[in-house]
Structure formats: C-alpha cells, structure tokens
Amino acid sequence: MGERSVPEELSESPGTLREGVRLGVLEALKEDRDWRGAWVAKRLATAGVAGVVIAVAMTLLFSGNGLTHEHAYHVAICGAVWAGLLIECFAFVLLRLKTRALLLVQAAGLGLLGLGLAAVVALCCPQPLYLNWWLSTRPGSWLETVGGLPMSAFGLGLVSAVFLGLAATLITIWRGGKLSGATIPSMVLSVLLLPGILLQCIGSPMAVFTSWSAGTVLGSLAGITGGMMLGGFRRGSVASSDGA
C-alpha cells in the first residue's frame, strides 16, 4: 500500500497551528461580542420605548383632574419619574439581569404585572378620582368617620395593594416564576404605584398622600407574602397528589 499523503494543514508546525487556533478563538469571541452588543442594544431600545409609552398612558389614566394648567408641572414630573422607573424595570426583565442574592428579574416582572393590574382596576373605576369613589363605599365612609380622610386613604392603599400584590404573585408563580422573598418585590411594586398615588393626590393634603402611600407599602408586602404562601401551598398539594 502506498503511503498516505499528509494534509497540508496538518504538516504545519505546532506554533503555526497554535496561532491559527488563537486567531480562530479571538474571531469567535469578537463575533459573539458583536452579537451580544446588538442583542443588548435592541432590548435597551425596547425597554426605553415601552417605558415611555406606558408612562404616558399611565399618567393620563391616573391624573384624574390634574390635567390642568396649574397642575401641569406636577403631572410632568410624575410622568418623567414613572418613565424612568418603568425603563429600569423593563431593562431588568428584557436583559434578565440578576445578582446572586436578589432575583431582580422576577421582582421587576412582578412589579410591572401589578402595575398592569392596577391599570385594569383603574379603568373599571366609575370615577377619575379613586379616593372619592372609595369614600362613597361603606368601608371608605366608615374609615373617614373613625379617623378622617387620611385614615380612609390608608385603607384604600392597603386594600388595593393587597389585591394587586396577591394577584400578581399568584400569576407569577402560576407562570413558573420563583421569588426569593417578599421584601424586594413589594418595594418594587410600591415604588411603581407611588407616582399614580401622587397624581391622584394633587390638590389634597400631604397627610392623604402619606397615608395612602403607607397603606400601599404595607398592603404590597402583605399581598405578596400571602401570594407566596398560597402558591407554595398549592405546589405542595400538587406534589403530594402526584406522589400518591
């Protein structure tokens, strides 16, 4: 049998082969870096557009009677703050940013979901000023009689935030999401809701805004905690039934 011819690329010196491998790896890394850069740029642009558009829509929805010339400055500030917060949350969700201790992606996603639910509830409210509607209900009227307008505003924030936190958490868990705790998600949800509360409180005493915000913070924490407990109980029940 005749001797096999050695391919030209295998007849090169080891140094040449190593240099070729090195150049190939560097080229692959460069292509990957360029692809990731384009991927990040697209998602940042999406986060920016989505944040601004939703902030404008939410500002118009929650402004109530604030869209007047004397309150235009307050509305503009709330809209700008809302846009910045929403862009940050969308960036976390779209870029899947994480840290070792905090699942900020799930917290931001839950906050956005809770804000979306708040928009749905606001659309169903028969009055543009939600506190006025709350005062026309028995719980709202009773709380105003007991502790005044700030107490009733606290009750509105507490009840609404419990519902939003509970519903957003259950939906997140149902979709397969995991929450490491209730503190960070409740903070994100509360911060996202605060510009809307401020818009609703334009022209009201500062005590009303403070009480409403306090009720929202406590209600968010209670609702998310309850949702995690219910979600964990449901998962345990499903696992038990599957094991049986």
C-alpha atoms as a PDB file:
ATOM      1  CA  MET A   1       0.000   0.000   0.000  1.00  0.00           C
ATOM      2  CA  GLY A   2       1.252   3.444  -0.802  1.00  0.00           C
ATOM      3  CA  GLU A   3       1.899   5.961   1.880  1.00  0.00           C
ATOM      4  CA  ARG A   4      -0.953   8.340   2.643  1.00  0.00           C
ATOM      5  CA  SER A   5      -0.287  11.944   1.829  1.00  0.00           C
ATOM      6  CA  VAL A   6      -0.358  14.201   4.861  1.00  0.00           C
ATOM      7  CA  PRO A   7      -2.830  17.102   4.501  1.00  0.00           C
ATOM      8  CA  GLU A   8      -1.162  20.407   4.095  1.00  0.00           C
ATOM      9  CA  GLU A   9      -2.851  21.907   7.169  1.00  0.00           C
ATOM     10  CA  LEU A  10      -1.510  19.040   9.361  1.00  0.00           C
ATOM     11  CA  SER A  11       2.007  19.420   8.055  1.00  0.00           C
ATOM     12  CA  GLU A  12       2.299  22.888   9.560  1.00  0.00           C
ATOM     13  CA  SER A  13       4.419  23.460  12.620  1.00  0.00           C
ATOM     14  CA  PRO A  14       2.834  23.328  16.101  1.00  0.00           C
ATOM     15  CA  GLY A  15       3.457  27.045  16.540  1.00  0.00           C
ATOM     16  CA  THR A  16       1.533  27.847  13.381  1.00  0.00           C
ATOM     17  CA  LEU A  17      -1.349  25.612  14.479  1.00  0.00           C
ATOM     18  CA  ARG A  18      -1.491  27.267  17.891  1.00  0.00           C
ATOM     19  CA  GLU A  19      -1.535  30.699  16.275  1.00  0.00           C
ATOM     20  CA  GLY A  20      -4.358  29.606  13.979  1.00  0.00           C
ATOM     21  CA  VAL A  21      -6.379  28.293  16.896  1.00  0.00           C
ATOM     22  CA  ARG A  22      -5.776  31.502  18.835  1.00  0.00           C
ATOM     23  CA  LEU A  23      -6.902  33.671  15.946  1.00  0.00           C
ATOM     24  CA  GLY A  24      -9.974  31.486  15.450  1.00  0.00           C
ATOM     25  CA  VAL A  25     -10.944  31.793  19.114  1.00  0.00           C
ATOM     26  CA  LEU A  26     -10.439  35.553  19.073  1.00  0.00           C
ATOM     27  CA  GLU A  27     -12.584  35.875  15.950  1.00  0.00           C
ATOM     28  CA  ALA A  28     -15.331  33.775  17.527  1.00  0.00           C
ATOM     29  CA  LEU A  29     -15.236  35.902  20.684  1.00  0.00           C
ATOM     30  CA  LYS A  30     -15.415  39.063  18.605  1.00  0.00           C
ATOM     31  CA  GLU A  31     -18.446  37.795  16.696  1.00  0.00           C
ATOM     32  CA  ASP A  32     -20.108  36.755  19.962  1.00  0.00           C
ATOM     33  CA  ARG A  33     -19.377  40.168  21.481  1.00  0.00           C
ATOM     34  CA  ASP A  34     -20.817  41.944  18.446  1.00  0.00           C
ATOM     35  CA  TRP A  35     -23.929  39.741  18.562  1.00  0.00           C
ATOM     36  CA  ARG A  36     -24.403  40.323  22.277  1.00  0.00           C
ATOM     37  CA  GLY A  37     -23.916  44.049  21.812  1.00  0.00           C
ATOM     38  CA  ALA A  38     -26.651  44.169  19.193  1.00  0.00           C
ATOM     39  CA  TRP A  39     -28.862  41.978  21.398  1.00  0.00           C
ATOM     40  CA  VAL A  40     -28.427  44.313  24.375  1.00  0.00           C
ATOM     41  CA  ALA A  41     -28.948  47.430  22.248  1.00  0.00           C
ATOM     42  CA  LYS A  42     -32.223  46.115  20.844  1.00  0.00           C
ATOM     43  CA  ARG A  43     -33.563  45.244  24.282  1.00  0.00           C
ATOM     44  CA  LEU A  44     -32.495  48.550  25.775  1.00  0.00           C
ATOM     45  CA  ALA A  45     -34.265  50.353  22.945  1.00  0.00           C
ATOM     46  CA  THR A  46     -37.361  48.224  23.532  1.00  0.00           C
ATOM     47  CA  ALA A  47     -37.219  48.966  27.269  1.00  0.00           C
ATOM     48  CA  GLY A  48     -36.936  52.690  26.575  1.00  0.00           C
ATOM     49  CA  VAL A  49     -39.845  52.806  24.129  1.00  0.00           C
ATOM     50  CA  ALA A  50     -42.065  50.611  26.290  1.00  0.00           C
ATOM     51  CA  GLY A  51     -41.251  52.607  29.427  1.00  0.00           C
ATOM     52  CA  VAL A  52     -42.051  55.972  27.848  1.00  0.00           C
ATOM     53  CA  VAL A  53     -45.247  54.823  26.112  1.00  0.00           C
ATOM     54  CA  ILE A  54     -46.630  53.086  29.192  1.00  0.00           C
ATOM     55  CA  ALA A  55     -45.632  56.008  31.415  1.00  0.00           C
ATOM     56  CA  VAL A  56     -47.598  58.412  29.227  1.00  0.00           C
ATOM     57  CA  ALA A  57     -50.618  56.105  29.220  1.00  0.00           C
ATOM     58  CA  MET A  58     -50.489  55.581  32.996  1.00  0.00           C
ATOM     59  CA  THR A  59     -50.054  59.307  33.623  1.00  0.00           C
ATOM     60  CA  LEU A  60     -53.154  60.090  31.574  1.00  0.00           C
ATOM     61  CA  LEU A  61     -55.065  57.315  33.340  1.00  0.00           C
ATOM     62  CA  PHE A  62     -54.147  58.254  36.915  1.00  0.00           C
ATOM     63  CA  SER A  63     -54.005  62.040  36.562  1.00  0.00           C
ATOM     64  CA  GLY A  64     -57.701  62.409  37.441  1.00  0.00           C
ATOM     65  CA  ASN A  65     -58.418  66.132  37.458  1.00  0.00           C
ATOM     66  CA  GLY A  66     -54.743  67.025  37.421  1.00  0.00           C
ATOM     67  CA  LEU A  67     -54.543  67.771  33.691  1.00  0.00           C
ATOM     68  CA  THR A  68     -54.988  71.494  34.185  1.00  0.00           C
ATOM     69  CA  HIS A  69     -52.606  74.357  33.636  1.00  0.00           C
ATOM     70  CA  GLU A  70     -51.917  74.909  37.351  1.00  0.00           C
ATOM     71  CA  HIS A  71     -51.038  71.236  37.919  1.00  0.00           C
ATOM     72  CA  ALA A  72     -49.249  70.556  34.608  1.00  0.00           C
ATOM     73  CA  TYR A  73     -45.840  70.840  36.309  1.00  0.00           C
ATOM     74  CA  HIS A  74     -46.715  68.110  38.838  1.00  0.00           C
ATOM     75  CA  VAL A  75     -48.094  65.840  36.133  1.00  0.00           C
ATOM     76  CA  ALA A  76     -44.953  66.272  34.014  1.00  0.00           C
ATOM     77  CA  ILE A  77     -42.701  65.377  36.958  1.00  0.00           C
ATOM     78  CA  CYS A  78     -44.747  62.281  37.801  1.00  0.00           C
ATOM     79  CA  GLY A  79     -44.695  61.186  34.170  1.00  0.00           C
ATOM     80  CA  ALA A  80     -40.927  61.599  33.956  1.00  0.00           C
ATOM     81  CA  VAL A  81     -40.350  59.667  37.191  1.00  0.00           C
ATOM     82  CA  TRP A  82     -42.704  56.941  36.042  1.00  0.00           C
ATOM     83  CA  ALA A  83     -40.911  56.649  32.704  1.00  0.00           C
ATOM     84  CA  GLY A  84     -37.551  56.237  34.428  1.00  0.00           C
ATOM     85  CA  LEU A  85     -38.854  53.563  36.786  1.00  0.00           C
ATOM     86  CA  LEU A  86     -40.555  51.634  34.008  1.00  0.00           C
ATOM     87  CA  ILE A  87     -37.478  51.734  31.783  1.00  0.00           C
ATOM     88  CA  GLU A  88     -35.391  50.306  34.634  1.00  0.00           C
ATOM     89  CA  CYS A  89     -37.888  47.508  35.266  1.00  0.00           C
ATOM     90  CA  PHE A  90     -38.193  46.631  31.586  1.00  0.00           C
ATOM     91  CA  ALA A  91     -34.393  46.616  31.295  1.00  0.00           C
ATOM     92  CA  PHE A  92     -34.137  44.123  34.163  1.00  0.00           C
ATOM     93  CA  VAL A  93     -36.804  41.900  32.601  1.00  0.00           C
ATOM     94  CA  LEU A  94     -35.617  42.050  28.993  1.00  0.00           C
ATOM     95  CA  LEU A  95     -31.908  41.742  29.799  1.00  0.00           C
ATOM     96  CA  ARG A  96     -32.553  39.119  32.506  1.00  0.00           C
ATOM     97  CA  LEU A  97     -30.266  40.946  34.918  1.00  0.00           C
ATOM     98  CA  LYS A  98     -29.616  39.096  38.181  1.00  0.00           C
ATOM     99  CA  THR A  99     -27.478  39.216  41.258  1.00  0.00           C
ATOM    100  CA  ARG A 100     -26.538  36.314  43.461  1.00  0.00           C
ATOM    101  CA  ALA A 101     -28.767  37.355  46.343  1.00  0.00           C
ATOM    102  CA  LEU A 102     -31.723  39.004  44.655  1.00  0.00           C
ATOM    103  CA  LEU A 103     -33.827  37.788  41.775  1.00  0.00           C
ATOM    104  CA  LEU A 104     -34.410  41.291  40.484  1.00  0.00           C
ATOM    105  CA  VAL A 105     -35.825  39.978  37.225  1.00  0.00           C
ATOM    106  CA  GLN A 106     -38.762  38.347  38.995  1.00  0.00           C
ATOM    107  CA  ALA A 107     -39.208  41.363  41.279  1.00  0.00           C
ATOM    108  CA  ALA A 108     -39.318  43.766  38.322  1.00  0.00           C
ATOM    109  CA  GLY A 109     -41.635  41.459  36.399  1.00  0.00           C
ATOM    110  CA  LEU A 110     -43.989  41.186  39.372  1.00  0.00           C
ATOM    111  CA  GLY A 111     -43.972  44.960  39.781  1.00  0.00           C
ATOM    112  CA  LEU A 112     -44.852  45.514  36.135  1.00  0.00           C
ATOM    113  CA  LEU A 113     -47.585  42.899  36.366  1.00  0.00           C
ATOM    114  CA  GLY A 114     -49.022  44.549  39.478  1.00  0.00           C
ATOM    115  CA  LEU A 115     -48.958  47.942  37.761  1.00  0.00           C
ATOM    116  CA  GLY A 116     -50.789  46.459  34.778  1.00  0.00           C
ATOM    117  CA  LEU A 117     -53.439  45.053  37.096  1.00  0.00           C
ATOM    118  CA  ALA A 118     -53.725  48.479  38.719  1.00  0.00           C
ATOM    119  CA  ALA A 119     -54.411  49.992  35.304  1.00  0.00           C
ATOM    120  CA  VAL A 120     -57.182  47.441  34.696  1.00  0.00           C
ATOM    121  CA  VAL A 121     -58.744  48.229  38.081  1.00  0.00           C
ATOM    122  CA  ALA A 122     -58.463  51.966  37.382  1.00  0.00           C
ATOM    123  CA  LEU A 123     -60.253  51.571  34.065  1.00  0.00           C
ATOM    124  CA  CYS A 124     -63.111  49.816  35.874  1.00  0.00           C
ATOM    125  CA  CYS A 125     -63.447  52.597  38.461  1.00  0.00           C
ATOM    126  CA  PRO A 126     -66.513  54.768  37.718  1.00  0.00           C
ATOM    127  CA  GLN A 127     -64.794  57.967  38.918  1.00  0.00           C
ATOM    128  CA  PRO A 128     -61.497  59.559  37.828  1.00  0.00           C
ATOM    129  CA  LEU A 129     -60.558  60.236  41.467  1.00  0.00           C
ATOM    130  CA  TYR A 130     -60.420  56.851  43.126  1.00  0.00           C
ATOM    131  CA  LEU A 131     -60.433  58.214  46.670  1.00  0.00           C
ATOM    132  CA  ASN A 132     -63.790  59.897  46.026  1.00  0.00           C
ATOM    133  CA  TRP A 133     -65.203  56.590  44.855  1.00  0.00           C
ATOM    134  CA  TRP A 134     -63.719  54.825  47.886  1.00  0.00           C
ATOM    135  CA  LEU A 135     -65.371  57.370  50.189  1.00  0.00           C
ATOM    136  CA  SER A 136     -68.733  56.523  48.643  1.00  0.00           C
ATOM    137  CA  THR A 137     -68.362  52.884  49.735  1.00  0.00           C
ATOM    138  CA  ARG A 138     -69.218  51.634  53.219  1.00  0.00           C
ATOM    139  CA  PRO A 139     -65.629  50.765  54.256  1.00  0.00           C
ATOM    140  CA  GLY A 140     -64.262  54.061  52.962  1.00  0.00           C
ATOM    141  CA  SER A 141     -67.018  56.096  54.595  1.00  0.00           C
ATOM    142  CA  TRP A 142     -66.616  54.263  57.903  1.00  0.00           C
ATOM    143  CA  LEU A 143     -62.862  54.801  57.967  1.00  0.00           C
ATOM    144  CA  GLU A 144     -63.335  58.506  57.249  1.00  0.00           C
ATOM    145  CA  THR A 145     -65.802  58.742  60.144  1.00  0.00           C
ATOM    146  CA  VAL A 146     -63.404  56.956  62.501  1.00  0.00           C
ATOM    147  CA  GLY A 147     -60.072  58.565  61.590  1.00  0.00           C
ATOM    148  CA  GLY A 148     -60.704  61.226  58.975  1.00  0.00           C
ATOM    149  CA  LEU A 149     -59.664  61.411  55.331  1.00  0.00           C
ATOM    150  CA  PRO A 150     -56.067  60.180  55.899  1.00  0.00           C
ATOM    151  CA  MET A 151     -57.347  57.038  57.605  1.00  0.00           C
ATOM    152  CA  SER A 152     -59.660  56.311  54.700  1.00  0.00           C
ATOM    153  CA  ALA A 153     -56.818  56.899  52.226  1.00  0.00           C
ATOM    154  CA  PHE A 154     -54.691  54.455  54.226  1.00  0.00           C
ATOM    155  CA  GLY A 155     -57.450  51.848  53.928  1.00  0.00           C
ATOM    156  CA  LEU A 156     -57.715  52.383  50.177  1.00  0.00           C
ATOM    157  CA  GLY A 157     -53.968  51.918  49.738  1.00  0.00           C
ATOM    158  CA  LEU A 158     -53.927  48.848  51.959  1.00  0.00           C
ATOM    159  CA  VAL A 159     -56.864  47.053  50.325  1.00  0.00           C
ATOM    160  CA  SER A 160     -55.859  47.827  46.745  1.00  0.00           C
ATOM    161  CA  ALA A 161     -52.202  46.895  47.276  1.00  0.00           C
ATOM    162  CA  VAL A 162     -53.107  43.612  48.987  1.00  0.00           C
ATOM    163  CA  PHE A 163     -55.214  42.668  45.974  1.00  0.00           C
ATOM    164  CA  LEU A 164     -52.585  43.740  43.445  1.00  0.00           C
ATOM    165  CA  GLY A 165     -49.716  42.051  45.301  1.00  0.00           C
ATOM    166  CA  LEU A 166     -51.664  38.842  45.856  1.00  0.00           C
ATOM    167  CA  ALA A 167     -52.881  38.596  42.260  1.00  0.00           C
ATOM    168  CA  ALA A 168     -49.502  39.471  40.726  1.00  0.00           C
ATOM    169  CA  THR A 169     -47.711  36.931  42.930  1.00  0.00           C
ATOM    170  CA  LEU A 170     -50.131  34.116  42.147  1.00  0.00           C
ATOM    171  CA  ILE A 171     -49.859  34.827  38.417  1.00  0.00           C
ATOM    172  CA  THR A 172     -46.049  34.902  38.657  1.00  0.00           C
ATOM    173  CA  ILE A 173     -45.954  31.566  40.496  1.00  0.00           C
ATOM    174  CA  TRP A 174     -48.517  30.054  38.116  1.00  0.00           C
ATOM    175  CA  ARG A 175     -46.237  31.003  35.205  1.00  0.00           C
ATOM    176  CA  GLY A 176     -43.312  29.204  36.848  1.00  0.00           C
ATOM    177  CA  GLY A 177     -41.599  32.195  38.428  1.00  0.00           C
ATOM    178  CA  LYS A 178     -39.725  31.999  41.715  1.00  0.00           C
ATOM    179  CA  LEU A 179     -39.489  34.649  44.400  1.00  0.00           C
ATOM    180  CA  SER A 180     -36.669  34.602  46.936  1.00  0.00           C
ATOM    181  CA  GLY A 181     -38.666  36.772  49.329  1.00  0.00           C
ATOM    182  CA  ALA A 182     -41.466  39.320  49.569  1.00  0.00           C
ATOM    183  CA  THR A 183     -39.480  42.403  50.597  1.00  0.00           C
ATOM    184  CA  ILE A 184     -37.824  43.354  47.307  1.00  0.00           C
ATOM    185  CA  PRO A 185     -40.880  42.635  45.078  1.00  0.00           C
ATOM    186  CA  SER A 186     -43.118  44.603  47.452  1.00  0.00           C
ATOM    187  CA  MET A 187     -40.700  47.543  47.323  1.00  0.00           C
ATOM    188  CA  VAL A 188     -40.673  47.455  43.517  1.00  0.00           C
ATOM    189  CA  LEU A 189     -44.474  47.282  43.326  1.00  0.00           C
ATOM    190  CA  SER A 190     -44.888  50.111  45.846  1.00  0.00           C
ATOM    191  CA  VAL A 191     -42.415  52.369  44.058  1.00  0.00           C
ATOM    192  CA  LEU A 192     -44.157  51.769  40.721  1.00  0.00           C
ATOM    193  CA  LEU A 193     -47.525  52.656  42.263  1.00  0.00           C
ATOM    194  CA  LEU A 194     -46.354  55.816  44.061  1.00  0.00           C
ATOM    195  CA  PRO A 195     -46.421  58.157  41.009  1.00  0.00           C
ATOM    196  CA  GLY A 196     -50.049  57.207  40.398  1.00  0.00           C
ATOM    197  CA  ILE A 197     -50.910  57.875  44.035  1.00  0.00           C
ATOM    198  CA  LEU A 198     -49.184  61.251  43.825  1.00  0.00           C
ATOM    199  CA  LEU A 199     -51.178  62.118  40.704  1.00  0.00           C
ATOM    200  CA  GLN A 200     -54.405  61.152  42.464  1.00  0.00           C
ATOM    201  CA  CYS A 201     -53.476  63.309  45.471  1.00  0.00           C
ATOM    202  CA  ILE A 202     -52.841  66.532  43.548  1.00  0.00           C
ATOM    203  CA  GLY A 203     -54.670  69.257  45.445  1.00  0.00           C
ATOM    204  CA  SER A 204     -55.102  67.069  48.556  1.00  0.00           C
ATOM    205  CA  PRO A 205     -53.343  67.494  51.929  1.00  0.00           C
ATOM    206  CA  MET A 206     -49.944  65.878  52.279  1.00  0.00           C
ATOM    207  CA  ALA A 207     -51.351  63.645  55.035  1.00  0.00           C
ATOM    208  CA  VAL A 208     -53.599  61.969  52.465  1.00  0.00           C
ATOM    209  CA  PHE A 209     -50.674  61.128  50.198  1.00  0.00           C
ATOM    210  CA  THR A 210     -48.562  59.915  53.125  1.00  0.00           C
ATOM    211  CA  SER A 211     -51.328  57.683  54.484  1.00  0.00           C
ATOM    212  CA  TRP A 212     -52.206  56.303  51.060  1.00  0.00           C
ATOM    213  CA  SER A 213     -48.535  55.530  50.381  1.00  0.00           C
ATOM    214  CA  ALA A 214     -48.093  53.856  53.773  1.00  0.00           C
ATOM    215  CA  GLY A 215     -51.116  51.667  53.171  1.00  0.00           C
ATOM    216  CA  THR A 216     -49.759  50.757  49.737  1.00  0.00           C
ATOM    217  CA  VAL A 217     -46.370  49.731  51.134  1.00  0.00           C
ATOM    218  CA  LEU A 218     -47.897  47.555  53.852  1.00  0.00           C
ATOM    219  CA  GLY A 219     -50.525  46.136  51.516  1.00  0.00           C
ATOM    220  CA  SER A 220     -47.932  45.212  48.888  1.00  0.00           C
ATOM    221  CA  LEU A 221     -45.863  43.343  51.454  1.00  0.00           C
ATOM    222  CA  ALA A 222     -48.914  41.569  52.891  1.00  0.00           C
ATOM    223  CA  GLY A 223     -50.324  40.673  49.472  1.00  0.00           C
ATOM    224  CA  ILE A 224     -47.075  39.283  48.088  1.00  0.00           C
ATOM    225  CA  THR A 225     -46.407  37.359  51.284  1.00  0.00           C
ATOM    226  CA  GLY A 226     -49.896  35.863  51.145  1.00  0.00           C
ATOM    227  CA  GLY A 227     -49.474  35.023  47.490  1.00  0.00           C
ATOM    228  CA  MET A 228     -46.196  33.223  48.164  1.00  0.00           C
ATOM    229  CA  MET A 229     -47.838  31.245  50.956  1.00  0.00           C
ATOM    230  CA  LEU A 230     -50.817  30.292  48.797  1.00  0.00           C
ATOM    231  CA  GLY A 231     -48.556  29.488  45.840  1.00  0.00           C
ATOM    232  CA  GLY A 232     -46.314  27.307  47.991  1.00  0.00           C
ATOM    233  CA  PHE A 233     -49.322  25.518  49.490  1.00  0.00           C
ATOM    234  CA  ARG A 234     -50.714  24.848  46.031  1.00  0.00           C
ATOM    235  CA  ARG A 235     -47.384  23.498  44.784  1.00  0.00           C
ATOM    236  CA  GLY A 236     -47.114  21.267  47.829  1.00  0.00           C
ATOM    237  CA  SER A 237     -50.622  19.948  47.252  1.00  0.00           C
ATOM    238  CA  VAL A 238     -49.892  19.218  43.600  1.00  0.00           C
ATOM    239  CA  ALA A 239     -46.630  17.456  44.509  1.00  0.00           C
ATOM    240  CA  SER A 240     -48.418  15.359  47.149  1.00  0.00           C
ATOM    241  CA  SER A 241     -51.123  14.321  44.718  1.00  0.00           C
ATOM    242  CA  ASP A 242     -48.541  13.420  42.071  1.00  0.00           C
ATOM    243  CA  GLY A 243     -46.554  11.364  44.599  1.00  0.00           C
ATOM    244  CA  ALA A 244     -49.678   9.496  45.685  1.00  0.00           C
END
